[in-house]
Amino acid sequence: MFLDELKSECDSCRRCELCESRNNIVFGVGNENADIMLIGEAPGENEDMQGQPFVGRSGKLLDEMIGEYGLSRDKNIYIANMLKCRPPKNRDPKPSEQNLCIEWLDRQIEIIDPKIIVCVGRIAAQKLIGKDFKVTKQHGEFIEIGGRLYTGTYHPAAILRNINNKPFALDDWRKIRETAERNGLDL
């Protein structure tokens, strides 16, 4: 299966009530052959309107940070979210919503086959790395799961709320770049 076929299936998803209020599914963007995949928790208002993950102020900050290390959504990474529809008022995704939607993400991962998965924010890290993962303490640490390297970092929205965390996130992106290079990944 190809990503465009999977997206077409996802477009008609009605597994939970979030489909009732969405403007667009937010499937993913970037290089479909990327060795690095970024995964956020769920679309926000801007993402829902544009149908793309990490747009608006958070997206601009994310692009700025990854760009400092030669990474780009247009060139060498793929970006997706665990949920494909926006929760009302940008609330945290409910566990039931995460469980109903995770199959879409699992299938994206299977198709893209990234070597490094970067969980952007607490919710994504706790779902994909481990329920006790603490972004504030474990950010930038790599954990091998199923033959892939996983790491967690600060969500750009959290950095916008507390700019003091930006140096930590930038250091995480440096580590991600170095880990990719050390593992001979195509950047």
N, C-alpha and C. Protein backbone atom coordinates (compact mmCIF):
# COMPACT_ATOMS: atom_id res chain seq x y z
N MET A 1 0.85 -1.19 0.00
CA MET A 1 0.00 0.00 0.00
C MET A 1 0.88 1.24 0.00
N PHE A 2 0.40 2.29 -0.61
CA PHE A 2 1.10 3.57 -0.66
C PHE A 2 0.41 4.56 0.28
N LEU A 3 1.15 5.62 0.65
CA LEU A 3 0.59 6.62 1.58
C LEU A 3 -0.66 7.29 1.01
N ASP A 4 -0.69 7.58 -0.29
CA ASP A 4 -1.88 8.24 -0.84
C ASP A 4 -3.12 7.34 -0.75
N GLU A 5 -2.93 6.03 -0.86
CA GLU A 5 -4.05 5.10 -0.70
C GLU A 5 -4.52 5.07 0.76
N LEU A 6 -3.56 5.06 1.68
CA LEU A 6 -3.90 5.07 3.10
C LEU A 6 -4.61 6.37 3.47
N LYS A 7 -4.13 7.49 2.96
CA LYS A 7 -4.77 8.78 3.23
C LYS A 7 -6.20 8.77 2.72
N SER A 8 -6.41 8.21 1.55
CA SER A 8 -7.76 8.13 0.98
C SER A 8 -8.69 7.33 1.90
N GLU A 9 -8.20 6.24 2.45
CA GLU A 9 -8.99 5.47 3.41
C GLU A 9 -9.26 6.30 4.67
N CYS A 10 -8.24 6.97 5.15
CA CYS A 10 -8.35 7.76 6.38
C CYS A 10 -9.35 8.91 6.22
N ASP A 11 -9.42 9.47 5.02
CA ASP A 11 -10.36 10.58 4.74
C ASP A 11 -11.80 10.23 5.10
N SER A 12 -12.15 8.96 5.00
CA SER A 12 -13.54 8.58 5.28
C SER A 12 -13.72 7.97 6.67
N CYS A 13 -12.70 8.10 7.53
CA CYS A 13 -12.76 7.52 8.87
C CYS A 13 -13.91 8.12 9.70
N ARG A 14 -14.63 7.24 10.38
CA ARG A 14 -15.73 7.63 11.26
C ARG A 14 -15.65 6.86 12.58
N ARG A 15 -14.44 6.52 13.01
CA ARG A 15 -14.26 5.67 14.19
C ARG A 15 -14.65 6.35 15.49
N CYS A 16 -14.52 7.68 15.55
CA CYS A 16 -14.88 8.38 16.79
C CYS A 16 -15.61 9.68 16.45
N GLU A 17 -16.07 10.36 17.48
CA GLU A 17 -16.88 11.57 17.30
C GLU A 17 -16.08 12.76 16.76
N LEU A 18 -14.76 12.69 16.75
CA LEU A 18 -13.96 13.81 16.25
C LEU A 18 -14.21 14.07 14.77
N CYS A 19 -14.64 13.06 14.04
CA CYS A 19 -14.90 13.24 12.61
C CYS A 19 -16.04 14.23 12.37
N GLU A 20 -16.93 14.37 13.35
CA GLU A 20 -18.09 15.24 13.19
C GLU A 20 -17.74 16.72 13.14
N SER A 21 -16.65 17.10 13.81
CA SER A 21 -16.31 18.53 13.89
C SER A 21 -15.08 18.92 13.07
N ARG A 22 -14.46 17.97 12.41
CA ARG A 22 -13.24 18.29 11.67
C ARG A 22 -13.56 19.02 10.37
N ASN A 23 -12.63 19.88 9.98
CA ASN A 23 -12.68 20.48 8.65
C ASN A 23 -11.91 19.60 7.67
N ASN A 24 -10.76 19.12 8.12
CA ASN A 24 -9.89 18.26 7.32
C ASN A 24 -9.25 17.22 8.23
N ILE A 25 -8.95 16.05 7.66
CA ILE A 25 -8.05 15.18 8.39
C ILE A 25 -6.66 15.77 8.21
N VAL A 26 -5.81 15.54 9.17
CA VAL A 26 -4.44 16.00 9.10
C VAL A 26 -3.59 14.74 9.07
N PHE A 27 -3.31 14.29 7.86
CA PHE A 27 -2.68 12.98 7.67
C PHE A 27 -1.17 13.03 7.88
N GLY A 28 -0.50 13.91 7.16
CA GLY A 28 0.95 14.01 7.29
C GLY A 28 1.54 14.71 6.08
N VAL A 29 2.77 15.20 6.24
CA VAL A 29 3.48 15.87 5.15
C VAL A 29 4.96 15.53 5.23
N GLY A 30 5.61 15.66 4.09
CA GLY A 30 7.06 15.51 4.07
C GLY A 30 7.52 14.46 3.11
N ASN A 31 8.77 14.07 3.28
CA ASN A 31 9.41 13.09 2.43
C ASN A 31 8.91 11.70 2.82
N GLU A 32 8.23 11.04 1.91
CA GLU A 32 7.63 9.74 2.20
C GLU A 32 8.68 8.63 2.33
N ASN A 33 9.93 8.94 2.02
CA ASN A 33 11.03 7.98 2.17
C ASN A 33 12.00 8.41 3.27
N ALA A 34 11.54 9.28 4.14
CA ALA A 34 12.40 9.85 5.18
C ALA A 34 12.85 8.79 6.19
N ASP A 35 14.06 8.96 6.65
CA ASP A 35 14.57 8.11 7.73
C ASP A 35 14.20 8.65 9.10
N ILE A 36 13.72 9.91 9.14
CA ILE A 36 13.31 10.54 10.40
C ILE A 36 11.84 10.92 10.29
N MET A 37 11.05 10.50 11.28
CA MET A 37 9.62 10.82 11.31
C MET A 37 9.31 11.52 12.62
N LEU A 38 8.65 12.66 12.54
CA LEU A 38 8.20 13.41 13.71
C LEU A 38 6.73 13.10 13.93
N ILE A 39 6.36 12.86 15.19
CA ILE A 39 4.97 12.53 15.50
C ILE A 39 4.50 13.40 16.65
N GLY A 40 3.47 14.20 16.39
CA GLY A 40 2.83 15.01 17.41
C GLY A 40 1.60 14.31 17.94
N GLU A 41 0.88 15.01 18.81
CA GLU A 41 -0.28 14.38 19.43
C GLU A 41 -1.54 14.46 18.59
N ALA A 42 -1.91 15.67 18.16
CA ALA A 42 -3.17 15.87 17.44
C ALA A 42 -3.15 17.23 16.77
N PRO A 43 -3.94 17.39 15.72
CA PRO A 43 -3.99 18.69 15.06
C PRO A 43 -4.62 19.76 15.96
N GLY A 44 -4.17 20.98 15.77
CA GLY A 44 -4.80 22.13 16.39
C GLY A 44 -5.70 22.82 15.38
N GLU A 45 -6.15 24.01 15.72
CA GLU A 45 -7.08 24.73 14.86
C GLU A 45 -6.49 25.05 13.49
N ASN A 46 -5.27 25.58 13.46
CA ASN A 46 -4.64 25.90 12.18
C ASN A 46 -4.43 24.66 11.33
N GLU A 47 -4.02 23.58 11.97
CA GLU A 47 -3.79 22.32 11.25
C GLU A 47 -5.09 21.80 10.67
N ASP A 48 -6.16 21.86 11.44
CA ASP A 48 -7.47 21.41 10.98
C ASP A 48 -7.93 22.22 9.77
N MET A 49 -7.67 23.51 9.79
CA MET A 49 -8.09 24.36 8.67
C MET A 49 -7.26 24.09 7.41
N GLN A 50 -5.95 23.86 7.58
CA GLN A 50 -5.06 23.70 6.43
C GLN A 50 -4.83 22.24 6.03
N GLY A 51 -5.18 21.30 6.90
CA GLY A 51 -4.99 19.89 6.59
C GLY A 51 -3.54 19.44 6.65
N GLN A 52 -2.70 20.18 7.38
CA GLN A 52 -1.28 19.83 7.51
C GLN A 52 -0.85 19.94 8.97
N PRO A 53 0.06 19.05 9.40
CA PRO A 53 0.53 19.12 10.79
C PRO A 53 1.53 20.25 11.00
N PHE A 54 1.54 20.76 12.20
CA PHE A 54 2.50 21.77 12.65
C PHE A 54 2.58 22.96 11.70
N VAL A 55 1.49 23.71 11.65
CA VAL A 55 1.47 24.99 10.95
C VAL A 55 1.18 26.07 12.00
N GLY A 56 1.13 27.30 11.61
CA GLY A 56 0.93 28.37 12.58
C GLY A 56 2.21 28.65 13.34
N ARG A 57 2.09 29.30 14.49
CA ARG A 57 3.27 29.70 15.27
C ARG A 57 4.12 28.50 15.69
N SER A 58 3.47 27.43 16.13
CA SER A 58 4.22 26.23 16.54
C SER A 58 4.97 25.63 15.36
N GLY A 59 4.32 25.58 14.23
CA GLY A 59 4.96 25.02 13.04
C GLY A 59 6.14 25.84 12.58
N LYS A 60 6.01 27.16 12.66
CA LYS A 60 7.13 28.04 12.28
C LYS A 60 8.31 27.83 13.22
N LEU A 61 8.04 27.70 14.52
CA LEU A 61 9.11 27.46 15.47
C LEU A 61 9.75 26.10 15.21
N LEU A 62 8.94 25.09 14.97
CA LEU A 62 9.47 23.76 14.67
C LEU A 62 10.37 23.81 13.44
N ASP A 63 9.89 24.44 12.37
CA ASP A 63 10.69 24.54 11.14
C ASP A 63 12.01 25.27 11.39
N GLU A 64 11.96 26.31 12.21
CA GLU A 64 13.17 27.07 12.54
C GLU A 64 14.17 26.19 13.29
N MET A 65 13.68 25.45 14.28
CA MET A 65 14.58 24.62 15.10
C MET A 65 15.19 23.48 14.29
N ILE A 66 14.38 22.77 13.53
CA ILE A 66 14.93 21.64 12.76
C ILE A 66 15.82 22.15 11.63
N GLY A 67 15.48 23.33 11.10
CA GLY A 67 16.28 23.92 10.03
C GLY A 67 17.70 24.23 10.45
N GLU A 68 17.89 24.53 11.74
CA GLU A 68 19.24 24.80 12.24
C GLU A 68 20.15 23.58 12.11
N TYR A 69 19.56 22.41 11.96
CA TYR A 69 20.34 21.17 11.86
C TYR A 69 20.14 20.48 10.51
N GLY A 70 19.77 21.29 9.50
CA GLY A 70 19.67 20.76 8.14
C GLY A 70 18.50 19.83 7.90
N LEU A 71 17.48 19.92 8.75
CA LEU A 71 16.30 19.09 8.58
C LEU A 71 15.15 19.94 8.06
N SER A 72 14.31 19.32 7.25
CA SER A 72 13.21 20.06 6.63
C SER A 72 12.07 19.12 6.28
N ARG A 73 10.86 19.58 6.49
CA ARG A 73 9.69 18.79 6.12
C ARG A 73 9.60 18.61 4.60
N ASP A 74 10.25 19.46 3.84
CA ASP A 74 10.24 19.34 2.38
C ASP A 74 11.33 18.42 1.86
N LYS A 75 12.33 18.15 2.69
CA LYS A 75 13.52 17.47 2.20
C LYS A 75 13.76 16.09 2.82
N ASN A 76 13.85 16.03 4.15
CA ASN A 76 14.37 14.80 4.74
C ASN A 76 13.64 14.31 5.99
N ILE A 77 12.47 14.81 6.27
CA ILE A 77 11.67 14.28 7.38
C ILE A 77 10.22 14.14 6.93
N TYR A 78 9.48 13.35 7.68
CA TYR A 78 8.04 13.22 7.49
C TYR A 78 7.40 13.56 8.82
N ILE A 79 6.30 14.31 8.78
CA ILE A 79 5.63 14.76 10.00
C ILE A 79 4.18 14.28 9.99
N ALA A 80 3.77 13.69 11.12
CA ALA A 80 2.39 13.23 11.28
C ALA A 80 1.97 13.45 12.73
N ASN A 81 0.73 13.14 13.02
CA ASN A 81 0.19 13.18 14.37
C ASN A 81 -0.39 11.82 14.72
N MET A 82 -0.54 11.54 16.01
CA MET A 82 -1.21 10.32 16.43
C MET A 82 -2.68 10.36 16.01
N LEU A 83 -3.34 11.48 16.28
CA LEU A 83 -4.72 11.66 15.86
C LEU A 83 -4.75 12.41 14.55
N LYS A 84 -5.71 12.08 13.74
CA LYS A 84 -5.82 12.73 12.42
C LYS A 84 -6.90 13.81 12.41
N CYS A 85 -7.66 13.92 13.49
CA CYS A 85 -8.71 14.94 13.61
C CYS A 85 -8.45 15.78 14.88
N ARG A 86 -8.87 17.02 14.82
CA ARG A 86 -8.66 17.95 15.94
C ARG A 86 -9.64 17.70 17.08
N PRO A 87 -9.12 17.53 18.29
CA PRO A 87 -10.00 17.50 19.46
C PRO A 87 -10.58 18.91 19.69
N PRO A 88 -11.81 19.02 20.17
CA PRO A 88 -12.42 20.33 20.41
C PRO A 88 -11.55 21.20 21.32
N LYS A 89 -11.44 22.45 20.96
CA LYS A 89 -10.70 23.45 21.75
C LYS A 89 -9.26 23.01 22.04
N ASN A 90 -8.71 22.19 21.16
CA ASN A 90 -7.32 21.71 21.28
C ASN A 90 -7.04 20.98 22.59
N ARG A 91 -8.07 20.35 23.16
CA ARG A 91 -7.87 19.59 24.39
C ARG A 91 -6.97 18.40 24.10
N ASP A 92 -6.42 17.81 25.17
CA ASP A 92 -5.61 16.60 25.01
C ASP A 92 -6.48 15.49 24.42
N PRO A 93 -5.89 14.67 23.56
CA PRO A 93 -6.64 13.53 23.03
C PRO A 93 -6.99 12.55 24.14
N LYS A 94 -8.21 12.07 24.13
CA LYS A 94 -8.62 11.05 25.10
C LYS A 94 -7.94 9.72 24.75
N PRO A 95 -7.67 8.89 25.76
CA PRO A 95 -7.08 7.58 25.47
C PRO A 95 -7.90 6.77 24.46
N SER A 96 -9.22 6.85 24.56
CA SER A 96 -10.06 6.10 23.61
C SER A 96 -9.86 6.61 22.18
N GLU A 97 -9.71 7.91 22.01
CA GLU A 97 -9.45 8.47 20.68
C GLU A 97 -8.08 8.04 20.17
N GLN A 98 -7.10 8.06 21.06
CA GLN A 98 -5.76 7.60 20.67
C GLN A 98 -5.81 6.15 20.19
N ASN A 99 -6.51 5.32 20.94
CA ASN A 99 -6.57 3.89 20.60
C ASN A 99 -7.31 3.64 19.29
N LEU A 100 -8.33 4.43 19.01
CA LEU A 100 -9.08 4.26 17.76
C LEU A 100 -8.31 4.76 16.55
N CYS A 101 -7.44 5.72 16.75
CA CYS A 101 -6.74 6.36 15.64
C CYS A 101 -5.33 5.82 15.40
N ILE A 102 -4.77 5.12 16.37
CA ILE A 102 -3.37 4.72 16.29
C ILE A 102 -3.07 3.81 15.10
N GLU A 103 -4.07 3.07 14.64
CA GLU A 103 -3.85 2.19 13.48
C GLU A 103 -3.41 2.99 12.26
N TRP A 104 -3.95 4.18 12.06
CA TRP A 104 -3.54 5.01 10.92
C TRP A 104 -2.06 5.34 11.02
N LEU A 105 -1.63 5.73 12.21
CA LEU A 105 -0.23 6.06 12.42
C LEU A 105 0.66 4.82 12.26
N ASP A 106 0.24 3.70 12.84
CA ASP A 106 1.02 2.47 12.71
C ASP A 106 1.22 2.11 11.23
N ARG A 107 0.19 2.28 10.44
CA ARG A 107 0.30 1.96 9.01
C ARG A 107 1.19 2.97 8.29
N GLN A 108 1.14 4.25 8.69
CA GLN A 108 2.06 5.25 8.12
C GLN A 108 3.50 4.86 8.42
N ILE A 109 3.76 4.50 9.66
CA ILE A 109 5.12 4.11 10.06
C ILE A 109 5.57 2.90 9.24
N GLU A 110 4.69 1.94 9.08
CA GLU A 110 5.03 0.74 8.30
C GLU A 110 5.40 1.09 6.87
N ILE A 111 4.67 1.99 6.25
CA ILE A 111 4.92 2.38 4.85
C ILE A 111 6.20 3.21 4.74
N ILE A 112 6.35 4.20 5.60
CA ILE A 112 7.50 5.11 5.53
C ILE A 112 8.77 4.40 5.99
N ASP A 113 8.65 3.56 6.99
CA ASP A 113 9.76 2.79 7.54
C ASP A 113 10.91 3.67 8.03
N PRO A 114 10.63 4.65 8.90
CA PRO A 114 11.69 5.52 9.41
C PRO A 114 12.62 4.76 10.35
N LYS A 115 13.83 5.25 10.46
CA LYS A 115 14.80 4.65 11.37
C LYS A 115 14.78 5.36 12.73
N ILE A 116 14.40 6.64 12.72
CA ILE A 116 14.29 7.44 13.94
C ILE A 116 12.88 8.03 14.01
N ILE A 117 12.24 7.87 15.16
CA ILE A 117 10.94 8.48 15.40
C ILE A 117 11.10 9.48 16.54
N VAL A 118 10.72 10.72 16.27
CA VAL A 118 10.80 11.79 17.25
C VAL A 118 9.38 12.09 17.73
N CYS A 119 9.13 11.82 19.00
CA CYS A 119 7.83 12.11 19.59
C CYS A 119 7.87 13.56 20.07
N VAL A 120 7.01 14.37 19.49
CA VAL A 120 7.00 15.80 19.79
C VAL A 120 5.93 16.06 20.84
N GLY A 121 6.38 16.20 22.09
CA GLY A 121 5.46 16.45 23.19
C GLY A 121 5.21 15.23 24.05
N ARG A 122 4.70 15.51 25.23
CA ARG A 122 4.46 14.49 26.26
C ARG A 122 3.50 13.39 25.82
N ILE A 123 2.37 13.77 25.24
CA ILE A 123 1.34 12.78 24.93
C ILE A 123 1.83 11.77 23.89
N ALA A 124 2.48 12.25 22.85
CA ALA A 124 3.01 11.34 21.83
C ALA A 124 4.09 10.45 22.44
N ALA A 125 4.97 11.03 23.25
CA ALA A 125 6.05 10.25 23.86
C ALA A 125 5.49 9.17 24.80
N GLN A 126 4.49 9.51 25.58
CA GLN A 126 3.94 8.53 26.51
C GLN A 126 3.17 7.42 25.79
N LYS A 127 2.58 7.73 24.66
CA LYS A 127 1.86 6.70 23.90
C LYS A 127 2.83 5.81 23.13
N LEU A 128 3.87 6.40 22.55
CA LEU A 128 4.73 5.64 21.64
C LEU A 128 5.99 5.09 22.30
N ILE A 129 6.50 5.75 23.33
CA ILE A 129 7.73 5.28 23.98
C ILE A 129 7.40 4.52 25.26
N GLY A 130 6.60 5.13 26.12
CA GLY A 130 6.24 4.49 27.38
C GLY A 130 5.41 5.40 28.24
N LYS A 131 4.46 4.84 28.94
CA LYS A 131 3.50 5.66 29.69
C LYS A 131 4.14 6.51 30.78
N ASP A 132 5.34 6.15 31.21
CA ASP A 132 6.02 6.91 32.26
C ASP A 132 7.08 7.86 31.71
N PHE A 133 7.15 7.99 30.39
CA PHE A 133 8.17 8.86 29.78
C PHE A 133 7.92 10.31 30.20
N LYS A 134 8.98 10.96 30.66
CA LYS A 134 8.90 12.36 31.10
C LYS A 134 9.75 13.21 30.15
N VAL A 135 9.09 14.00 29.31
CA VAL A 135 9.81 14.83 28.34
C VAL A 135 10.78 15.76 29.05
N THR A 136 10.37 16.32 30.18
CA THR A 136 11.23 17.29 30.87
C THR A 136 12.52 16.65 31.40
N LYS A 137 12.50 15.35 31.64
CA LYS A 137 13.69 14.67 32.17
C LYS A 137 14.40 13.80 31.13
N GLN A 138 13.65 13.24 30.19
CA GLN A 138 14.21 12.26 29.26
C GLN A 138 14.36 12.76 27.83
N HIS A 139 14.05 14.03 27.61
CA HIS A 139 14.14 14.56 26.24
C HIS A 139 15.55 14.34 25.72
N GLY A 140 15.63 13.98 24.45
CA GLY A 140 16.94 13.77 23.82
C GLY A 140 17.55 12.40 24.07
N GLU A 141 16.95 11.58 24.92
CA GLU A 141 17.42 10.20 25.13
C GLU A 141 16.83 9.32 24.03
N PHE A 142 17.62 8.37 23.55
CA PHE A 142 17.15 7.45 22.52
C PHE A 142 16.87 6.08 23.12
N ILE A 143 15.76 5.51 22.69
CA ILE A 143 15.33 4.19 23.16
C ILE A 143 15.01 3.36 21.92
N GLU A 144 15.59 2.18 21.84
CA GLU A 144 15.29 1.31 20.70
C GLU A 144 14.02 0.51 20.98
N ILE A 145 13.09 0.59 20.04
CA ILE A 145 11.83 -0.14 20.13
C ILE A 145 11.58 -0.74 18.76
N GLY A 146 11.51 -2.05 18.68
CA GLY A 146 11.18 -2.71 17.42
C GLY A 146 12.14 -2.38 16.29
N GLY A 147 13.40 -2.20 16.60
CA GLY A 147 14.39 -1.92 15.57
C GLY A 147 14.47 -0.46 15.13
N ARG A 148 13.72 0.40 15.78
CA ARG A 148 13.77 1.84 15.49
C ARG A 148 14.25 2.58 16.73
N LEU A 149 14.86 3.74 16.51
CA LEU A 149 15.26 4.60 17.61
C LEU A 149 14.16 5.62 17.85
N TYR A 150 13.71 5.71 19.09
CA TYR A 150 12.68 6.67 19.49
C TYR A 150 13.30 7.68 20.44
N THR A 151 12.86 8.91 20.34
CA THR A 151 13.23 9.94 21.30
C THR A 151 12.05 10.89 21.46
N GLY A 152 12.06 11.62 22.54
CA GLY A 152 11.02 12.62 22.78
C GLY A 152 11.66 13.99 22.94
N THR A 153 10.92 15.00 22.56
CA THR A 153 11.38 16.37 22.72
C THR A 153 10.19 17.27 23.06
N TYR A 154 10.50 18.49 23.40
CA TYR A 154 9.46 19.46 23.75
C TYR A 154 8.59 19.80 22.55
N HIS A 155 7.32 19.96 22.79
CA HIS A 155 6.39 20.43 21.77
C HIS A 155 6.64 21.91 21.56
N PRO A 156 6.64 22.39 20.31
CA PRO A 156 6.88 23.82 20.08
C PRO A 156 5.89 24.72 20.81
N ALA A 157 4.65 24.28 20.99
CA ALA A 157 3.67 25.09 21.74
C ALA A 157 4.11 25.26 23.19
N ALA A 158 4.72 24.22 23.76
CA ALA A 158 5.22 24.32 25.14
C ALA A 158 6.40 25.29 25.20
N ILE A 159 7.20 25.31 24.16
CA ILE A 159 8.32 26.25 24.11
C ILE A 159 7.81 27.68 23.98
N LEU A 160 6.76 27.87 23.20
CA LEU A 160 6.18 29.22 23.07
C LEU A 160 5.63 29.71 24.41
N ARG A 161 5.17 28.77 25.24
CA ARG A 161 4.68 29.14 26.58
C ARG A 161 5.82 29.36 27.56
N ASN A 162 6.96 28.68 27.33
CA ASN A 162 8.13 28.82 28.22
C ASN A 162 9.39 28.77 27.35
N ILE A 163 9.81 29.94 26.88
CA ILE A 163 10.94 30.05 25.96
C ILE A 163 12.24 29.53 26.57
N ASN A 164 12.29 29.40 27.90
CA ASN A 164 13.48 28.86 28.55
C ASN A 164 13.78 27.41 28.15
N ASN A 165 12.78 26.71 27.59
CA ASN A 165 12.98 25.33 27.16
C ASN A 165 13.56 25.22 25.75
N LYS A 166 13.64 26.34 25.03
CA LYS A 166 14.12 26.28 23.65
C LYS A 166 15.54 25.74 23.55
N PRO A 167 16.49 26.16 24.40
CA PRO A 167 17.85 25.59 24.29
C PRO A 167 17.87 24.07 24.46
N PHE A 168 17.02 23.54 25.33
CA PHE A 168 16.95 22.09 25.52
C PHE A 168 16.45 21.41 24.24
N ALA A 169 15.42 21.98 23.64
CA ALA A 169 14.87 21.41 22.41
C ALA A 169 15.89 21.50 21.28
N LEU A 170 16.58 22.62 21.17
CA LEU A 170 17.61 22.74 20.14
C LEU A 170 18.71 21.69 20.33
N ASP A 171 19.08 21.44 21.58
CA ASP A 171 20.08 20.40 21.84
C ASP A 171 19.54 19.02 21.45
N ASP A 172 18.24 18.79 21.66
CA ASP A 172 17.63 17.53 21.22
C ASP A 172 17.76 17.36 19.71
N TRP A 173 17.49 18.44 18.96
CA TRP A 173 17.58 18.35 17.50
C TRP A 173 19.03 18.14 17.05
N ARG A 174 19.97 18.70 17.78
CA ARG A 174 21.39 18.44 17.48
C ARG A 174 21.68 16.96 17.67
N LYS A 175 21.20 16.38 18.77
CA LYS A 175 21.41 14.96 19.05
C LYS A 175 20.74 14.08 17.99
N ILE A 176 19.57 14.50 17.55
CA ILE A 176 18.86 13.74 16.52
C ILE A 176 19.69 13.73 15.23
N ARG A 177 20.18 14.89 14.84
CA ARG A 177 21.02 14.99 13.64
C ARG A 177 22.27 14.13 13.79
N GLU A 178 22.96 14.23 14.92
CA GLU A 178 24.18 13.45 15.14
C GLU A 178 23.89 11.95 15.16
N THR A 179 22.79 11.55 15.76
CA THR A 179 22.43 10.13 15.80
C THR A 179 22.13 9.62 14.40
N ALA A 180 21.45 10.43 13.60
CA ALA A 180 21.16 10.05 12.21
C ALA A 180 22.47 9.87 11.43
N GLU A 181 23.37 10.81 11.58
CA GLU A 181 24.66 10.72 10.87
C GLU A 181 25.46 9.51 11.34
N ARG A 182 25.50 9.28 12.64
CA ARG A 182 26.24 8.16 13.21
C ARG A 182 25.70 6.83 12.71
N ASN A 183 24.41 6.79 12.41
CA ASN A 183 23.79 5.57 11.92
C ASN A 183 23.73 5.50 10.39
N GLY A 184 24.39 6.45 9.73
CA GLY A 184 24.49 6.43 8.28
C GLY A 184 23.19 6.69 7.55
N LEU A 185 22.29 7.46 8.17
CA LEU A 185 20.99 7.71 7.55
C LEU A 185 21.10 8.76 6.45
N ASP A 186 20.20 8.64 5.49
CA ASP A 186 20.18 9.55 4.35
C ASP A 186 19.50 10.86 4.73
N LEU A 187 20.29 11.92 4.81
CA LEU A 187 19.75 13.23 5.15
C LEU A 187 19.95 14.17 3.97
